[in-house]
Amino acid sequence: QVHLVESGGGSVQAGGSLRLACVASGDTFDFNYGAWYRQAPGKERELVASILNNGNTGHSDSVKGRFTISRDNMENTMYLQMSNLRPDDTAVYLCHASYRWQNYWGQGTQVTVSS
């Protein structure tokens, strides 16, 4: 099994930056893909960005050009670099990863952006 733990959330003013990290532990072999999701009150869980085993990435239109997903394969750590934050980015950000085609989720980290 795999355990995912997010960190790096916090409060920031609009226009600021944060870097989220997701550390995987346990049976961290055969990584398939990873993703960052976010969920704000009253909204559906939203896919923010994804990264494949081959390094290809994708970002949602709402964050494209502002957020960047990356992964350190040796450390089994996935990152979300968040820049030019705005109030509607406020949400709980959750790490998701697939290992051996099994899905794992972190508990989430709160990001709050004030205007």
PDB file of N, CA and C in Angstrom:
ATOM      1  N   GLN A   1       0.836  -1.193   0.000  1.00  0.00           N
ATOM      2  CA  GLN A   1       0.000   0.000   0.000  1.00  0.00           C
ATOM      3  C   GLN A   1       0.868   1.238   0.000  1.00  0.00           C
ATOM      4  N   VAL A   2       0.245   2.373  -0.337  1.00  0.00           N
ATOM      5  CA  VAL A   2       0.941   3.648  -0.430  1.00  0.00           C
ATOM      6  C   VAL A   2       0.244   4.664   0.451  1.00  0.00           C
ATOM      7  N   HIS A   3       1.041   5.442   1.167  1.00  0.00           N
ATOM      8  CA  HIS A   3       0.532   6.514   2.007  1.00  0.00           C
ATOM      9  C   HIS A   3       0.989   7.837   1.421  1.00  0.00           C
ATOM     10  N   LEU A   4       0.059   8.750   1.181  1.00  0.00           N
ATOM     11  CA  LEU A   4       0.357  10.054   0.619  1.00  0.00           C
ATOM     12  C   LEU A   4       0.103  11.132   1.659  1.00  0.00           C
ATOM     13  N   VAL A   5       1.043  12.044   1.812  1.00  0.00           N
ATOM     14  CA  VAL A   5       0.914  13.143   2.761  1.00  0.00           C
ATOM     15  C   VAL A   5       1.250  14.448   2.064  1.00  0.00           C
ATOM     16  N   GLU A   6       0.297  15.380   2.091  1.00  0.00           N
ATOM     17  CA  GLU A   6       0.505  16.694   1.494  1.00  0.00           C
ATOM     18  C   GLU A   6       1.042  17.674   2.526  1.00  0.00           C
ATOM     19  N   SER A   7       1.745  18.681   2.039  1.00  0.00           N
ATOM     20  CA  SER A   7       2.214  19.767   2.882  1.00  0.00           C
ATOM     21  C   SER A   7       2.384  21.010   2.021  1.00  0.00           C
ATOM     22  N   GLY A   8       2.582  22.133   2.664  1.00  0.00           N
ATOM     23  CA  GLY A   8       2.872  23.367   1.953  1.00  0.00           C
ATOM     24  C   GLY A   8       1.717  24.328   1.828  1.00  0.00           C
ATOM     25  N   GLY A   9       0.541  23.919   2.266  1.00  0.00           N
ATOM     26  CA  GLY A   9      -0.591  24.823   2.211  1.00  0.00           C
ATOM     27  C   GLY A   9      -0.468  25.930   3.238  1.00  0.00           C
ATOM     28  N   GLY A  10      -1.345  26.901   3.114  1.00  0.00           N
ATOM     29  CA  GLY A  10      -1.347  28.021   4.032  1.00  0.00           C
ATOM     30  C   GLY A  10      -2.169  29.152   3.496  1.00  0.00           C
ATOM     31  N   SER A  11      -1.988  30.307   4.096  1.00  0.00           N
ATOM     32  CA  SER A  11      -2.705  31.516   3.696  1.00  0.00           C
ATOM     33  C   SER A  11      -1.761  32.475   2.999  1.00  0.00           C
ATOM     34  N   VAL A  12      -2.247  33.052   1.924  1.00  0.00           N
ATOM     35  CA  VAL A  12      -1.435  33.961   1.135  1.00  0.00           C
ATOM     36  C   VAL A  12      -2.342  35.011   0.509  1.00  0.00           C
ATOM     37  N   GLN A  13      -1.796  36.177   0.254  1.00  0.00           N
ATOM     38  CA  GLN A  13      -2.555  37.217  -0.430  1.00  0.00           C
ATOM     39  C   GLN A  13      -2.599  36.958  -1.923  1.00  0.00           C
ATOM     40  N   ALA A  14      -3.620  37.485  -2.556  1.00  0.00           N
ATOM     41  CA  ALA A  14      -3.733  37.371  -4.004  1.00  0.00           C
ATOM     42  C   ALA A  14      -2.452  37.848  -4.676  1.00  0.00           C
ATOM     43  N   GLY A  15      -2.022  37.077  -5.663  1.00  0.00           N
ATOM     44  CA  GLY A  15      -0.780  37.364  -6.352  1.00  0.00           C
ATOM     45  C   GLY A  15       0.420  36.646  -5.786  1.00  0.00           C
ATOM     46  N   GLY A  16       0.252  36.022  -4.630  1.00  0.00           N
ATOM     47  CA  GLY A  16       1.341  35.320  -3.995  1.00  0.00           C
ATOM     48  C   GLY A  16       1.550  33.926  -4.551  1.00  0.00           C
ATOM     49  N   SER A  17       2.500  33.210  -3.948  1.00  0.00           N
ATOM     50  CA  SER A  17       2.880  31.884  -4.415  1.00  0.00           C
ATOM     51  C   SER A  17       2.978  30.909  -3.259  1.00  0.00           C
ATOM     52  N   LEU A  18       2.734  29.648  -3.564  1.00  0.00           N
ATOM     53  CA  LEU A  18       2.930  28.550  -2.640  1.00  0.00           C
ATOM     54  C   LEU A  18       3.417  27.347  -3.422  1.00  0.00           C
ATOM     55  N   ARG A  19       4.146  26.462  -2.754  1.00  0.00           N
ATOM     56  CA  ARG A  19       4.518  25.195  -3.350  1.00  0.00           C
ATOM     57  C   ARG A  19       4.021  24.065  -2.466  1.00  0.00           C
ATOM     58  N   LEU A  20       3.147  23.249  -3.021  1.00  0.00           N
ATOM     59  CA  LEU A  20       2.636  22.092  -2.320  1.00  0.00           C
ATOM     60  C   LEU A  20       3.510  20.884  -2.620  1.00  0.00           C
ATOM     61  N   ALA A  21       3.634  20.001  -1.638  1.00  0.00           N
ATOM     62  CA  ALA A  21       4.375  18.766  -1.812  1.00  0.00           C
ATOM     63  C   ALA A  21       3.518  17.593  -1.386  1.00  0.00           C
ATOM     64  N   CYS A  22       3.702  16.484  -2.051  1.00  0.00           N
ATOM     65  CA  CYS A  22       3.011  15.246  -1.731  1.00  0.00           C
ATOM     66  C   CYS A  22       4.059  14.148  -1.669  1.00  0.00           C
ATOM     67  N   VAL A  23       4.293  13.640  -0.470  1.00  0.00           N
ATOM     68  CA  VAL A  23       5.300  12.610  -0.257  1.00  0.00           C
ATOM     69  C   VAL A  23       4.624  11.252  -0.168  1.00  0.00           C
ATOM     70  N   ALA A  24       5.067  10.326  -0.979  1.00  0.00           N
ATOM     71  CA  ALA A  24       4.544   8.968  -0.975  1.00  0.00           C
ATOM     72  C   ALA A  24       5.480   8.047  -0.214  1.00  0.00           C
ATOM     73  N   SER A  25       4.905   7.175   0.585  1.00  0.00           N
ATOM     74  CA  SER A  25       5.687   6.184   1.310  1.00  0.00           C
ATOM     75  C   SER A  25       4.986   4.837   1.223  1.00  0.00           C
ATOM     76  N   GLY A  26       5.716   3.790   1.550  1.00  0.00           N
ATOM     77  CA  GLY A  26       5.183   2.444   1.444  1.00  0.00           C
ATOM     78  C   GLY A  26       5.705   1.757   0.200  1.00  0.00           C
ATOM     79  N   ASP A  27       4.818   1.090  -0.500  1.00  0.00           N
ATOM     80  CA  ASP A  27       5.195   0.342  -1.695  1.00  0.00           C
ATOM     81  C   ASP A  27       5.204   1.255  -2.915  1.00  0.00           C
ATOM     82  N   THR A  28       6.179   2.132  -2.958  1.00  0.00           N
ATOM     83  CA  THR A  28       6.226   3.182  -3.970  1.00  0.00           C
ATOM     84  C   THR A  28       6.976   2.757  -5.231  1.00  0.00           C
ATOM     85  N   PHE A  29       6.655   1.596  -5.723  1.00  0.00           N
ATOM     86  CA  PHE A  29       7.207   1.138  -6.981  1.00  0.00           C
ATOM     87  C   PHE A  29       6.081   1.055  -8.012  1.00  0.00           C
ATOM     88  N   ASP A  30       6.463   1.078  -9.264  1.00  0.00           N
ATOM     89  CA  ASP A  30       5.507   1.025 -10.373  1.00  0.00           C
ATOM     90  C   ASP A  30       4.505   2.176 -10.310  1.00  0.00           C
ATOM     91  N   PHE A  31       5.050   3.386 -10.345  1.00  0.00           N
ATOM     92  CA  PHE A  31       4.225   4.588 -10.409  1.00  0.00           C
ATOM     93  C   PHE A  31       3.619   4.721 -11.800  1.00  0.00           C
ATOM     94  N   ASN A  32       2.332   4.964 -11.857  1.00  0.00           N
ATOM     95  CA  ASN A  32       1.635   5.126 -13.128  1.00  0.00           C
ATOM     96  C   ASN A  32       1.396   6.601 -13.465  1.00  0.00           C
ATOM     97  N   TYR A  33       0.749   7.315 -12.573  1.00  0.00           N
ATOM     98  CA  TYR A  33       0.493   8.728 -12.774  1.00  0.00           C
ATOM     99  C   TYR A  33       0.130   9.386 -11.451  1.00  0.00           C
ATOM    100  N   GLY A  34       0.214  10.690 -11.416  1.00  0.00           N
ATOM    101  CA  GLY A  34      -0.168  11.446 -10.243  1.00  0.00           C
ATOM    102  C   GLY A  34      -0.967  12.666 -10.639  1.00  0.00           C
ATOM    103  N   ALA A  35      -1.653  13.229  -9.669  1.00  0.00           N
ATOM    104  CA  ALA A  35      -2.487  14.386  -9.951  1.00  0.00           C
ATOM    105  C   ALA A  35      -2.723  15.191  -8.688  1.00  0.00           C
ATOM    106  N   TRP A  36      -2.996  16.455  -8.885  1.00  0.00           N
ATOM    107  CA  TRP A  36      -3.491  17.324  -7.835  1.00  0.00           C
ATOM    108  C   TRP A  36      -4.936  17.675  -8.141  1.00  0.00           C
ATOM    109  N   TYR A  37      -5.781  17.507  -7.150  1.00  0.00           N
ATOM    110  CA  TYR A  37      -7.170  17.928  -7.202  1.00  0.00           C
ATOM    111  C   TYR A  37      -7.393  19.010  -6.156  1.00  0.00           C
ATOM    112  N   ARG A  38      -8.486  19.729  -6.307  1.00  0.00           N
ATOM    113  CA  ARG A  38      -8.879  20.667  -5.270  1.00  0.00           C
ATOM    114  C   ARG A  38     -10.389  20.628  -5.096  1.00  0.00           C
ATOM    115  N   GLN A  39     -10.816  20.933  -3.892  1.00  0.00           N
ATOM    116  CA  GLN A  39     -12.230  20.962  -3.595  1.00  0.00           C
ATOM    117  C   GLN A  39     -12.536  22.156  -2.701  1.00  0.00           C
ATOM    118  N   ALA A  40     -13.393  23.023  -3.199  1.00  0.00           N
ATOM    119  CA  ALA A  40     -13.847  24.185  -2.456  1.00  0.00           C
ATOM    120  C   ALA A  40     -15.275  23.946  -1.998  1.00  0.00           C
ATOM    121  N   PRO A  41     -15.696  24.602  -0.923  1.00  0.00           N
ATOM    122  CA  PRO A  41     -17.071  24.424  -0.445  1.00  0.00           C
ATOM    123  C   PRO A  41     -18.091  24.704  -1.534  1.00  0.00           C
ATOM    124  N   GLY A  42     -19.044  23.795  -1.678  1.00  0.00           N
ATOM    125  CA  GLY A  42     -20.099  23.963  -2.654  1.00  0.00           C
ATOM    126  C   GLY A  42     -19.718  23.638  -4.079  1.00  0.00           C
ATOM    127  N   LYS A  43     -18.502  23.161  -4.284  1.00  0.00           N
ATOM    128  CA  LYS A  43     -18.044  22.841  -5.630  1.00  0.00           C
ATOM    129  C   LYS A  43     -17.632  21.382  -5.733  1.00  0.00           C
ATOM    130  N   GLU A  44     -17.665  20.877  -6.939  1.00  0.00           N
ATOM    131  CA  GLU A  44     -17.189  19.534  -7.207  1.00  0.00           C
ATOM    132  C   GLU A  44     -15.671  19.491  -7.100  1.00  0.00           C
ATOM    133  N   ARG A  45     -15.168  18.322  -6.785  1.00  0.00           N
ATOM    134  CA  ARG A  45     -13.730  18.130  -6.797  1.00  0.00           C
ATOM    135  C   ARG A  45     -13.217  18.336  -8.219  1.00  0.00           C
ATOM    136  N   GLU A  46     -12.185  19.137  -8.349  1.00  0.00           N
ATOM    137  CA  GLU A  46     -11.676  19.555  -9.642  1.00  0.00           C
ATOM    138  C   GLU A  46     -10.266  19.038  -9.855  1.00  0.00           C
ATOM    139  N   LEU A  47     -10.033  18.458 -11.009  1.00  0.00           N
ATOM    140  CA  LEU A  47      -8.681  18.069 -11.392  1.00  0.00           C
ATOM    141  C   LEU A  47      -7.902  19.317 -11.771  1.00  0.00           C
ATOM    142  N   VAL A  48      -6.801  19.550 -11.087  1.00  0.00           N
ATOM    143  CA  VAL A  48      -5.990  20.738 -11.308  1.00  0.00           C
ATOM    144  C   VAL A  48      -4.856  20.464 -12.283  1.00  0.00           C
ATOM    145  N   ALA A  49      -4.149  19.369 -12.062  1.00  0.00           N
ATOM    146  CA  ALA A  49      -2.996  19.043 -12.887  1.00  0.00           C
ATOM    147  C   ALA A  49      -2.683  17.567 -12.747  1.00  0.00           C
ATOM    148  N   SER A  50      -2.038  17.013 -13.745  1.00  0.00           N
ATOM    149  CA  SER A  50      -1.676  15.607 -13.725  1.00  0.00           C
ATOM    150  C   SER A  50      -0.301  15.418 -14.332  1.00  0.00           C
ATOM    151  N   ILE A  51       0.330  14.328 -13.944  1.00  0.00           N
ATOM    152  CA  ILE A  51       1.647  14.002 -14.477  1.00  0.00           C
ATOM    153  C   ILE A  51       1.725  12.494 -14.674  1.00  0.00           C
ATOM    154  N   LEU A  52       2.211  12.096 -15.841  1.00  0.00           N
ATOM    155  CA  LEU A  52       2.332  10.690 -16.172  1.00  0.00           C
ATOM    156  C   LEU A  52       3.713  10.158 -15.812  1.00  0.00           C
ATOM    157  N   ASN A  53       3.833   8.851 -15.827  1.00  0.00           N
ATOM    158  CA  ASN A  53       5.112   8.220 -15.551  1.00  0.00           C
ATOM    159  C   ASN A  53       6.195   8.695 -16.510  1.00  0.00           C
ATOM    160  N   ASN A  54       5.812   8.987 -17.746  1.00  0.00           N
ATOM    161  CA  ASN A  54       6.789   9.440 -18.731  1.00  0.00           C
ATOM    162  C   ASN A  54       7.123  10.923 -18.610  1.00  0.00           C
ATOM    163  N   GLY A  55       6.523  11.606 -17.637  1.00  0.00           N
ATOM    164  CA  GLY A  55       6.808  13.004 -17.406  1.00  0.00           C
ATOM    165  C   GLY A  55       5.853  13.976 -18.058  1.00  0.00           C
ATOM    166  N   ASN A  56       4.997  13.507 -18.942  1.00  0.00           N
ATOM    167  CA  ASN A  56       4.024  14.398 -19.569  1.00  0.00           C
ATOM    168  C   ASN A  56       3.072  14.960 -18.522  1.00  0.00           C
ATOM    169  N   THR A  57       2.729  16.224 -18.668  1.00  0.00           N
ATOM    170  CA  THR A  57       1.866  16.902 -17.710  1.00  0.00           C
ATOM    171  C   THR A  57       0.679  17.539 -18.406  1.00  0.00           C
ATOM    172  N   GLY A  58      -0.343  17.787 -17.632  1.00  0.00           N
ATOM    173  CA  GLY A  58      -1.499  18.518 -18.091  1.00  0.00           C
ATOM    174  C   GLY A  58      -2.010  19.395 -16.967  1.00  0.00           C
ATOM    175  N   HIS A  59      -2.558  20.538 -17.325  1.00  0.00           N
ATOM    176  CA  HIS A  59      -3.067  21.493 -16.350  1.00  0.00           C
ATOM    177  C   HIS A  59      -4.433  21.986 -16.804  1.00  0.00           C
ATOM    178  N   SER A  60      -5.316  22.180 -15.854  1.00  0.00           N
ATOM    179  CA  SER A  60      -6.637  22.673 -16.184  1.00  0.00           C
ATOM    180  C   SER A  60      -6.552  24.109 -16.695  1.00  0.00           C
ATOM    181  N   ASP A  61      -7.548  24.494 -17.473  1.00  0.00           N
ATOM    182  CA  ASP A  61      -7.544  25.837 -18.037  1.00  0.00           C
ATOM    183  C   ASP A  61      -7.502  26.918 -16.959  1.00  0.00           C
ATOM    184  N   SER A  62      -8.123  26.651 -15.823  1.00  0.00           N
ATOM    185  CA  SER A  62      -8.195  27.653 -14.775  1.00  0.00           C
ATOM    186  C   SER A  62      -6.848  27.942 -14.119  1.00  0.00           C
ATOM    187  N   VAL A  63      -5.899  27.010 -14.238  1.00  0.00           N
ATOM    188  CA  VAL A  63      -4.597  27.204 -13.599  1.00  0.00           C
ATOM    189  C   VAL A  63      -3.456  27.255 -14.590  1.00  0.00           C
ATOM    190  N   LYS A  64      -3.722  26.990 -15.843  1.00  0.00           N
ATOM    191  CA  LYS A  64      -2.681  26.950 -16.861  1.00  0.00           C
ATOM    192  C   LYS A  64      -1.934  28.272 -16.909  1.00  0.00           C
ATOM    193  N   GLY A  65      -0.620  28.176 -16.887  1.00  0.00           N
ATOM    194  CA  GLY A  65       0.211  29.364 -16.880  1.00  0.00           C
ATOM    195  C   GLY A  65       0.508  29.897 -15.505  1.00  0.00           C
ATOM    196  N   ARG A  66      -0.183  29.388 -14.494  1.00  0.00           N
ATOM    197  CA  ARG A  66       0.034  29.825 -13.115  1.00  0.00           C
ATOM    198  C   ARG A  66       0.571  28.710 -12.224  1.00  0.00           C
ATOM    199  N   PHE A  67       0.094  27.488 -12.439  1.00  0.00           N
ATOM    200  CA  PHE A  67       0.512  26.340 -11.636  1.00  0.00           C
ATOM    201  C   PHE A  67       1.350  25.402 -12.487  1.00  0.00           C
ATOM    202  N   THR A  68       2.279  24.704 -11.845  1.00  0.00           N
ATOM    203  CA  THR A  68       3.094  23.712 -12.529  1.00  0.00           C
ATOM    204  C   THR A  68       3.225  22.468 -11.664  1.00  0.00           C
ATOM    205  N   ILE A  69       2.873  21.324 -12.226  1.00  0.00           N
ATOM    206  CA  ILE A  69       3.035  20.064 -11.529  1.00  0.00           C
ATOM    207  C   ILE A  69       4.383  19.453 -11.913  1.00  0.00           C
ATOM    208  N   SER A  70       5.022  18.810 -10.957  1.00  0.00           N
ATOM    209  CA  SER A  70       6.282  18.131 -11.207  1.00  0.00           C
ATOM    210  C   SER A  70       6.417  16.970 -10.235  1.00  0.00           C
ATOM    211  N   ARG A  71       7.400  16.121 -10.488  1.00  0.00           N
ATOM    212  CA  ARG A  71       7.616  14.974  -9.617  1.00  0.00           C
ATOM    213  C   ARG A  71       9.090  14.651  -9.542  1.00  0.00           C
ATOM    214  N   ASP A  72       9.560  14.376  -8.332  1.00  0.00           N
ATOM    215  CA  ASP A  72      10.906  13.882  -8.099  1.00  0.00           C
ATOM    216  C   ASP A  72      10.776  12.370  -7.964  1.00  0.00           C
ATOM    217  N   ASN A  73      11.160  11.662  -9.003  1.00  0.00           N
ATOM    218  CA  ASN A  73      10.952  10.217  -9.027  1.00  0.00           C
ATOM    219  C   ASN A  73      11.770   9.483  -7.968  1.00  0.00           C
ATOM    220  N   MET A  74      12.961   9.979  -7.696  1.00  0.00           N
ATOM    221  CA  MET A  74      13.812   9.320  -6.715  1.00  0.00           C
ATOM    222  C   MET A  74      13.273   9.477  -5.294  1.00  0.00           C
ATOM    223  N   GLU A  75      12.650  10.607  -5.016  1.00  0.00           N
ATOM    224  CA  GLU A  75      12.128  10.877  -3.681  1.00  0.00           C
ATOM    225  C   GLU A  75      10.649  10.568  -3.544  1.00  0.00           C
ATOM    226  N   ASN A  76      10.018  10.119  -4.623  1.00  0.00           N
ATOM    227  CA  ASN A  76       8.589   9.818  -4.604  1.00  0.00           C
ATOM    228  C   ASN A  76       7.779  10.994  -4.075  1.00  0.00           C
ATOM    229  N   THR A  77       8.135  12.166  -4.547  1.00  0.00           N
ATOM    230  CA  THR A  77       7.477  13.384  -4.100  1.00  0.00           C
ATOM    231  C   THR A  77       6.952  14.156  -5.305  1.00  0.00           C
ATOM    232  N   MET A  78       5.703  14.532  -5.234  1.00  0.00           N
ATOM    233  CA  MET A  78       5.073  15.315  -6.276  1.00  0.00           C
ATOM    234  C   MET A  78       4.845  16.726  -5.766  1.00  0.00           C
ATOM    235  N   TYR A  79       4.999  17.694  -6.650  1.00  0.00           N
ATOM    236  CA  TYR A  79       4.881  19.091  -6.271  1.00  0.00           C
ATOM    237  C   TYR A  79       3.837  19.799  -7.119  1.00  0.00           C
ATOM    238  N   LEU A  80       3.290  20.847  -6.561  1.00  0.00           N
ATOM    239  CA  LEU A  80       2.463  21.775  -7.306  1.00  0.00           C
ATOM    240  C   LEU A  80       2.950  23.178  -6.975  1.00  0.00           C
ATOM    241  N   GLN A  81       3.648  23.788  -7.912  1.00  0.00           N
ATOM    242  CA  GLN A  81       4.097  25.160  -7.760  1.00  0.00           C
ATOM    243  C   GLN A  81       2.955  26.077  -8.179  1.00  0.00           C
ATOM    244  N   MET A  82       2.514  26.909  -7.269  1.00  0.00           N
ATOM    245  CA  MET A  82       1.355  27.756  -7.477  1.00  0.00           C
ATOM    246  C   MET A  82       1.795  29.211  -7.431  1.00  0.00           C
ATOM    247  N   SER A  83       1.570  29.925  -8.515  1.00  0.00           N
ATOM    248  CA  SER A  83       1.943  31.330  -8.610  1.00  0.00           C
ATOM    249  C   SER A  83       0.730  32.145  -9.017  1.00  0.00           C
ATOM    250  N   ASN A  84       0.833  33.448  -8.803  1.00  0.00           N
ATOM    251  CA  ASN A  84      -0.254  34.363  -9.154  1.00  0.00           C
ATOM    252  C   ASN A  84      -1.584  33.878  -8.602  1.00  0.00           C
ATOM    253  N   LEU A  85      -1.559  33.502  -7.344  1.00  0.00           N
ATOM    254  CA  LEU A  85      -2.758  32.959  -6.712  1.00  0.00           C
ATOM    255  C   LEU A  85      -3.855  34.008  -6.630  1.00  0.00           C
ATOM    256  N   ARG A  86      -5.064  33.540  -6.740  1.00  0.00           N
ATOM    257  CA  ARG A  86      -6.225  34.410  -6.655  1.00  0.00           C
ATOM    258  C   ARG A  86      -7.244  33.803  -5.700  1.00  0.00           C
ATOM    259  N   PRO A  87      -8.181  34.603  -5.203  1.00  0.00           N
ATOM    260  CA  PRO A  87      -9.103  34.096  -4.181  1.00  0.00           C
ATOM    261  C   PRO A  87      -9.871  32.844  -4.575  1.00  0.00           C
ATOM    262  N   ASP A  88     -10.223  32.694  -5.837  1.00  0.00           N
ATOM    263  CA  ASP A  88     -10.969  31.502  -6.230  1.00  0.00           C
ATOM    264  C   ASP A  88     -10.092  30.255  -6.333  1.00  0.00           C
ATOM    265  N   ASP A  89      -8.808  30.361  -6.036  1.00  0.00           N
ATOM    266  CA  ASP A  89      -7.974  29.187  -5.867  1.00  0.00           C
ATOM    267  C   ASP A  89      -8.119  28.580  -4.473  1.00  0.00           C
ATOM    268  N   THR A  90      -8.804  29.270  -3.584  1.00  0.00           N
ATOM    269  CA  THR A  90      -8.988  28.784  -2.228  1.00  0.00           C
ATOM    270  C   THR A  90      -9.712  27.443  -2.237  1.00  0.00           C
ATOM    271  N   ALA A  91      -9.102  26.448  -1.621  1.00  0.00           N
ATOM    272  CA  ALA A  91      -9.660  25.098  -1.613  1.00  0.00           C
ATOM    273  C   ALA A  91      -8.759  24.198  -0.788  1.00  0.00           C
ATOM    274  N   VAL A  92      -9.254  23.001  -0.528  1.00  0.00           N
ATOM    275  CA  VAL A  92      -8.407  21.933  -0.032  1.00  0.00           C
ATOM    276  C   VAL A  92      -7.793  21.246  -1.240  1.00  0.00           C
ATOM    277  N   TYR A  93      -6.488  21.157  -1.262  1.00  0.00           N
ATOM    278  CA  TYR A  93      -5.775  20.537  -2.366  1.00  0.00           C
ATOM    279  C   TYR A  93      -5.376  19.124  -1.963  1.00  0.00           C
ATOM    280  N   LEU A  94      -5.726  18.178  -2.812  1.00  0.00           N
ATOM    281  CA  LEU A  94      -5.514  16.773  -2.520  1.00  0.00           C
ATOM    282  C   LEU A  94      -4.587  16.133  -3.531  1.00  0.00           C
ATOM    283  N   CYS A  95      -3.705  15.325  -3.024  1.00  0.00           N
ATOM    284  CA  CYS A  95      -2.780  14.572  -3.851  1.00  0.00           C
ATOM    285  C   CYS A  95      -3.394  13.224  -4.203  1.00  0.00           C
ATOM    286  N   HIS A  96      -3.264  12.838  -5.446  1.00  0.00           N
ATOM    287  CA  HIS A  96      -3.730  11.537  -5.909  1.00  0.00           C
ATOM    288  C   HIS A  96      -2.628  10.879  -6.718  1.00  0.00           C
ATOM    289  N   ALA A  97      -2.477   9.587  -6.536  1.00  0.00           N
ATOM    290  CA  ALA A  97      -1.460   8.872  -7.299  1.00  0.00           C
ATOM    291  C   ALA A  97      -1.897   7.447  -7.545  1.00  0.00           C
ATOM    292  N   SER A  98      -1.438   6.901  -8.641  1.00  0.00           N
ATOM    293  CA  SER A  98      -1.693   5.520  -8.998  1.00  0.00           C
ATOM    294  C   SER A  98      -0.384   4.765  -9.002  1.00  0.00           C
ATOM    295  N   TYR A  99      -0.363   3.690  -8.244  1.00  0.00           N
ATOM    296  CA  TYR A  99       0.764   2.772  -8.215  1.00  0.00           C
ATOM    297  C   TYR A  99       0.218   1.376  -8.504  1.00  0.00           C
ATOM    298  N   ARG A 100       0.836   0.702  -9.465  1.00  0.00           N
ATOM    299  CA  ARG A 100       0.368  -0.633  -9.862  1.00  0.00           C
ATOM    300  C   ARG A 100      -1.117  -0.598 -10.209  1.00  0.00           C
ATOM    301  N   TRP A 101      -1.537   0.516 -10.776  1.00  0.00           N
ATOM    302  CA  TRP A 101      -2.920   0.748 -11.192  1.00  0.00           C
ATOM    303  C   TRP A 101      -3.909   0.701 -10.028  1.00  0.00           C
ATOM    304  N   GLN A 102      -3.449   1.019  -8.846  1.00  0.00           N
ATOM    305  CA  GLN A 102      -4.294   1.199  -7.681  1.00  0.00           C
ATOM    306  C   GLN A 102      -4.224   2.658  -7.253  1.00  0.00           C
ATOM    307  N   ASN A 103      -5.358   3.212  -6.876  1.00  0.00           N
ATOM    308  CA  ASN A 103      -5.468   4.633  -6.579  1.00  0.00           C
ATOM    309  C   ASN A 103      -5.282   4.926  -5.099  1.00  0.00           C
ATOM    310  N   TYR A 104      -4.547   6.010  -4.823  1.00  0.00           N
ATOM    311  CA  TYR A 104      -4.301   6.444  -3.458  1.00  0.00           C
ATOM    312  C   TYR A 104      -4.539   7.940  -3.356  1.00  0.00           C
ATOM    313  N   TRP A 105      -5.011   8.364  -2.183  1.00  0.00           N
ATOM    314  CA  TRP A 105      -5.319   9.764  -1.927  1.00  0.00           C
ATOM    315  C   TRP A 105      -4.673  10.226  -0.636  1.00  0.00           C
ATOM    316  N   GLY A 106      -4.236  11.473  -0.633  1.00  0.00           N
ATOM    317  CA  GLY A 106      -3.804  12.100   0.594  1.00  0.00           C
ATOM    318  C   GLY A 106      -4.979  12.719   1.325  1.00  0.00           C
ATOM    319  N   GLN A 107      -4.710  13.267   2.500  1.00  0.00           N
ATOM    320  CA  GLN A 107      -5.758  13.876   3.307  1.00  0.00           C
ATOM    321  C   GLN A 107      -6.080  15.303   2.889  1.00  0.00           C
ATOM    322  N   GLY A 108      -5.178  15.952   2.203  1.00  0.00           N
ATOM    323  CA  GLY A 108      -5.407  17.292   1.718  1.00  0.00           C
ATOM    324  C   GLY A 108      -4.700  18.349   2.540  1.00  0.00           C
ATOM    325  N   THR A 109      -4.447  19.470   1.912  1.00  0.00           N
ATOM    326  CA  THR A 109      -3.859  20.622   2.577  1.00  0.00           C
ATOM    327  C   THR A 109      -4.626  21.870   2.151  1.00  0.00           C
ATOM    328  N   GLN A 110      -4.921  22.725   3.120  1.00  0.00           N
ATOM    329  CA  GLN A 110      -5.743  23.900   2.866  1.00  0.00           C
ATOM    330  C   GLN A 110      -4.916  25.026   2.265  1.00  0.00           C
ATOM    331  N   VAL A 111      -5.441  25.604   1.204  1.00  0.00           N
ATOM    332  CA  VAL A 111      -4.876  26.809   0.605  1.00  0.00           C
ATOM    333  C   VAL A 111      -5.934  27.898   0.671  1.00  0.00           C
ATOM    334  N   THR A 112      -5.579  29.013   1.276  1.00  0.00           N
ATOM    335  CA  THR A 112      -6.500  30.136   1.395  1.00  0.00           C
ATOM    336  C   THR A 112      -5.849  31.376   0.800  1.00  0.00           C
ATOM    337  N   VAL A 113      -6.523  31.980  -0.153  1.00  0.00           N
ATOM    338  CA  VAL A 113      -6.005  33.163  -0.831  1.00  0.00           C
ATOM    339  C   VAL A 113      -6.939  34.330  -0.539  1.00  0.00           C
ATOM    340  N   SER A 114      -6.402  35.373   0.043  1.00  0.00           N
ATOM    341  CA  SER A 114      -7.187  36.547   0.387  1.00  0.00           C
ATOM    342  C   SER A 114      -6.962  37.653  -0.627  1.00  0.00           C
ATOM    343  N   SER A 115      -7.975  38.466  -0.810  1.00  0.00           N
ATOM    344  CA  SER A 115      -7.889  39.567  -1.753  1.00  0.00           C
ATOM    345  C   SER A 115      -7.356  40.824  -1.099  1.00  0.00           C
TER     346      SER A 115
END
